[in-house]
Every structure is written in structure tokens, then in C-alpha cells.
Amino acid sequence: MSSTTITSKGQITLPKEVRDRLALKQGDRLEVTVGRNGVLMLAREKAPAVADAYGLLQHLGKSRRASVREMRTAVRKRARRKHAARRS
């Protein structure tokens, strides 16, 4: 069993054996809960599912989708501008 100390800023350092067992690395997020009898529990925060992000940026796009022809035209137009800028 490991122990740790709370700093004056309310921070703790997780012992290396705990970090290793949970495969934690810098930047990982943890869920903190208090169980029965005041037992503190830490668990790796679950990453949101990709499906949860579906439609998240929909409000930034056009109300209608571009056709393949429109996309190809836009790509060609951008390539011409980029090529012309290099020649200047």
C-alpha cells in the first residue's frame, strides 16, 4: 500500500506503482468519486465515443451538401491559386 501527501494547493502525487498499474501518463484525466465510508476512488476518464461527435460542427457548414462536381471544382480552383502564387 502506498501513501501520499496533500500539498498546500490541495494537490497530490500519485505513487509510481499506481500510475503504472493504471497505465497513466501526463495529461490523462481521472474521475474522482467518494464511495461509502469516505473511500476515495480514482478511475481513468472514459474517452467520448466517436458517435457522440456526429453532427457537432454541422452548424458551421452549408445547409445543403456540396456535390462531387462542386468539390472537384473547388479543389482545382484552390490548386490554380496556389500554383499561381508560387510563380509570383
C-alpha atoms as a PDB file:
ATOM      1  CA  MET A   1       0.000   0.000   0.000  1.00  0.00           C
ATOM      2  CA  SER A   2       1.260   3.483  -0.914  1.00  0.00           C
ATOM      3  CA  SER A   3       0.670   6.820   0.712  1.00  0.00           C
ATOM      4  CA  THR A   4       0.844  10.401  -0.486  1.00  0.00           C
ATOM      5  CA  THR A   5       0.604  13.888   0.994  1.00  0.00           C
ATOM      6  CA  ILE A   6      -1.716  16.754   0.102  1.00  0.00           C
ATOM      7  CA  THR A   7       0.147  19.971  -0.733  1.00  0.00           C
ATOM      8  CA  SER A   8      -0.881  23.453   0.415  1.00  0.00           C
ATOM      9  CA  LYS A   9      -2.544  23.850  -3.010  1.00  0.00           C
ATOM     10  CA  GLY A  10      -4.649  20.719  -2.491  1.00  0.00           C
ATOM     11  CA  GLN A  11      -2.629  18.635  -4.961  1.00  0.00           C
ATOM     12  CA  ILE A  12      -1.429  15.070  -4.579  1.00  0.00           C
ATOM     13  CA  THR A  13       1.139  12.985  -6.401  1.00  0.00           C
ATOM     14  CA  LEU A  14       0.024   9.518  -7.371  1.00  0.00           C
ATOM     15  CA  PRO A  15       2.674   6.974  -6.483  1.00  0.00           C
ATOM     16  CA  LYS A  16       4.514   5.445  -9.428  1.00  0.00           C
ATOM     17  CA  GLU A  17       3.117   1.970  -8.793  1.00  0.00           C
ATOM     18  CA  VAL A  18      -0.442   3.372  -9.072  1.00  0.00           C
ATOM     19  CA  ARG A  19       0.378   5.279 -12.281  1.00  0.00           C
ATOM     20  CA  ASP A  20       1.993   2.172 -13.737  1.00  0.00           C
ATOM     21  CA  ARG A  21      -0.905  -0.114 -12.807  1.00  0.00           C
ATOM     22  CA  LEU A  22      -3.418   2.240 -14.441  1.00  0.00           C
ATOM     23  CA  ALA A  23      -1.040   2.983 -17.353  1.00  0.00           C
ATOM     24  CA  LEU A  24      -1.418   6.710 -16.678  1.00  0.00           C
ATOM     25  CA  LYS A  25       0.672   9.297 -18.453  1.00  0.00           C
ATOM     26  CA  GLN A  26       0.944  13.070 -18.372  1.00  0.00           C
ATOM     27  CA  GLY A  27      -2.276  14.751 -19.474  1.00  0.00           C
ATOM     28  CA  ASP A  28      -4.560  11.781 -18.713  1.00  0.00           C
ATOM     29  CA  ARG A  29      -7.764  12.690 -16.936  1.00  0.00           C
ATOM     30  CA  LEU A  30      -9.187  10.871 -13.917  1.00  0.00           C
ATOM     31  CA  GLU A  31     -12.690  10.647 -12.482  1.00  0.00           C
ATOM     32  CA  VAL A  32     -12.729  11.155  -8.722  1.00  0.00           C
ATOM     33  CA  THR A  33     -15.594   9.816  -6.622  1.00  0.00           C
ATOM     34  CA  VAL A  34     -16.139   9.322  -2.917  1.00  0.00           C
ATOM     35  CA  GLY A  35     -17.573   5.928  -2.036  1.00  0.00           C
ATOM     36  CA  ARG A  36     -19.082   4.559   1.100  1.00  0.00           C
ATOM     37  CA  ASN A  37     -17.262   5.273   4.340  1.00  0.00           C
ATOM     38  CA  GLY A  38     -15.331   8.115   2.682  1.00  0.00           C
ATOM     39  CA  VAL A  39     -13.296   5.867   0.362  1.00  0.00           C
ATOM     40  CA  LEU A  40     -11.776   7.939  -2.441  1.00  0.00           C
ATOM     41  CA  MET A  41     -11.907   6.227  -5.832  1.00  0.00           C
ATOM     42  CA  LEU A  42      -9.983   7.192  -8.964  1.00  0.00           C
ATOM     43  CA  ALA A  43     -10.698   5.844 -12.437  1.00  0.00           C
ATOM     44  CA  ARG A  44      -9.432   6.728 -15.884  1.00  0.00           C
ATOM     45  CA  GLU A  45     -11.891   9.107 -17.522  1.00  0.00           C
ATOM     46  CA  LYS A  46     -13.523   7.386 -20.472  1.00  0.00           C
ATOM     47  CA  ALA A  47     -12.970   8.984 -23.866  1.00  0.00           C
ATOM     48  CA  PRO A  48     -16.173  10.039 -25.596  1.00  0.00           C
ATOM     49  CA  ALA A  49     -17.314   7.699 -28.349  1.00  0.00           C
ATOM     50  CA  VAL A  50     -16.787   8.875 -31.913  1.00  0.00           C
ATOM     51  CA  ALA A  51     -20.515   8.600 -32.467  1.00  0.00           C
ATOM     52  CA  ASP A  52     -21.043  11.293 -29.803  1.00  0.00           C
ATOM     53  CA  ALA A  53     -19.247  13.803 -32.042  1.00  0.00           C
ATOM     54  CA  TYR A  54     -21.505  13.195 -35.055  1.00  0.00           C
ATOM     55  CA  GLY A  55     -23.095  16.461 -36.176  1.00  0.00           C
ATOM     56  CA  LEU A  56     -21.143  18.519 -33.642  1.00  0.00           C
ATOM     57  CA  LEU A  57     -19.914  21.008 -36.261  1.00  0.00           C
ATOM     58  CA  GLN A  58     -22.947  20.805 -38.512  1.00  0.00           C
ATOM     59  CA  HIS A  59     -23.934  24.383 -37.695  1.00  0.00           C
ATOM     60  CA  LEU A  60     -20.712  25.628 -39.330  1.00  0.00           C
ATOM     61  CA  GLY A  61     -21.462  24.116 -42.721  1.00  0.00           C
ATOM     62  CA  LYS A  62     -23.824  24.980 -45.516  1.00  0.00           C
ATOM     63  CA  SER A  63     -27.438  23.987 -45.183  1.00  0.00           C
ATOM     64  CA  ARG A  64     -27.030  21.763 -48.255  1.00  0.00           C
ATOM     65  CA  ARG A  65     -24.198  19.415 -49.061  1.00  0.00           C
ATOM     66  CA  ALA A  66     -21.822  20.110 -51.931  1.00  0.00           C
ATOM     67  CA  SER A  67     -21.891  17.790 -54.900  1.00  0.00           C
ATOM     68  CA  VAL A  68     -18.811  15.889 -56.041  1.00  0.00           C
ATOM     69  CA  ARG A  69     -18.588  18.228 -59.054  1.00  0.00           C
ATOM     70  CA  GLU A  70     -18.606  21.290 -56.766  1.00  0.00           C
ATOM     71  CA  MET A  71     -15.901  19.785 -54.566  1.00  0.00           C
ATOM     72  CA  ARG A  72     -13.687  18.959 -57.560  1.00  0.00           C
ATOM     73  CA  THR A  73     -14.150  22.482 -58.941  1.00  0.00           C
ATOM     74  CA  ALA A  74     -13.211  23.999 -55.583  1.00  0.00           C
ATOM     75  CA  VAL A  75     -10.084  21.831 -55.310  1.00  0.00           C
ATOM     76  CA  ARG A  76      -8.966  22.744 -58.842  1.00  0.00           C
ATOM     77  CA  LYS A  77      -9.594  26.444 -58.184  1.00  0.00           C
ATOM     78  CA  ARG A  78      -7.529  26.330 -54.983  1.00  0.00           C
ATOM     79  CA  ALA A  79      -4.723  24.434 -56.737  1.00  0.00           C
ATOM     80  CA  ARG A  80      -4.604  27.064 -59.524  1.00  0.00           C
ATOM     81  CA  ARG A  81      -4.395  29.904 -56.971  1.00  0.00           C
ATOM     82  CA  LYS A  82      -1.696  28.120 -55.012  1.00  0.00           C
ATOM     83  CA  HIS A  83       0.301  27.383 -58.176  1.00  0.00           C
ATOM     84  CA  ALA A  84      -0.080  30.980 -59.392  1.00  0.00           C
ATOM     85  CA  ALA A  85       1.122  32.326 -56.025  1.00  0.00           C
ATOM     86  CA  ARG A  86       4.317  30.254 -56.267  1.00  0.00           C
ATOM     87  CA  ARG A  87       5.095  31.667 -59.716  1.00  0.00           C
ATOM     88  CA  SER A  88       4.888  35.273 -58.451  1.00  0.00           C
END
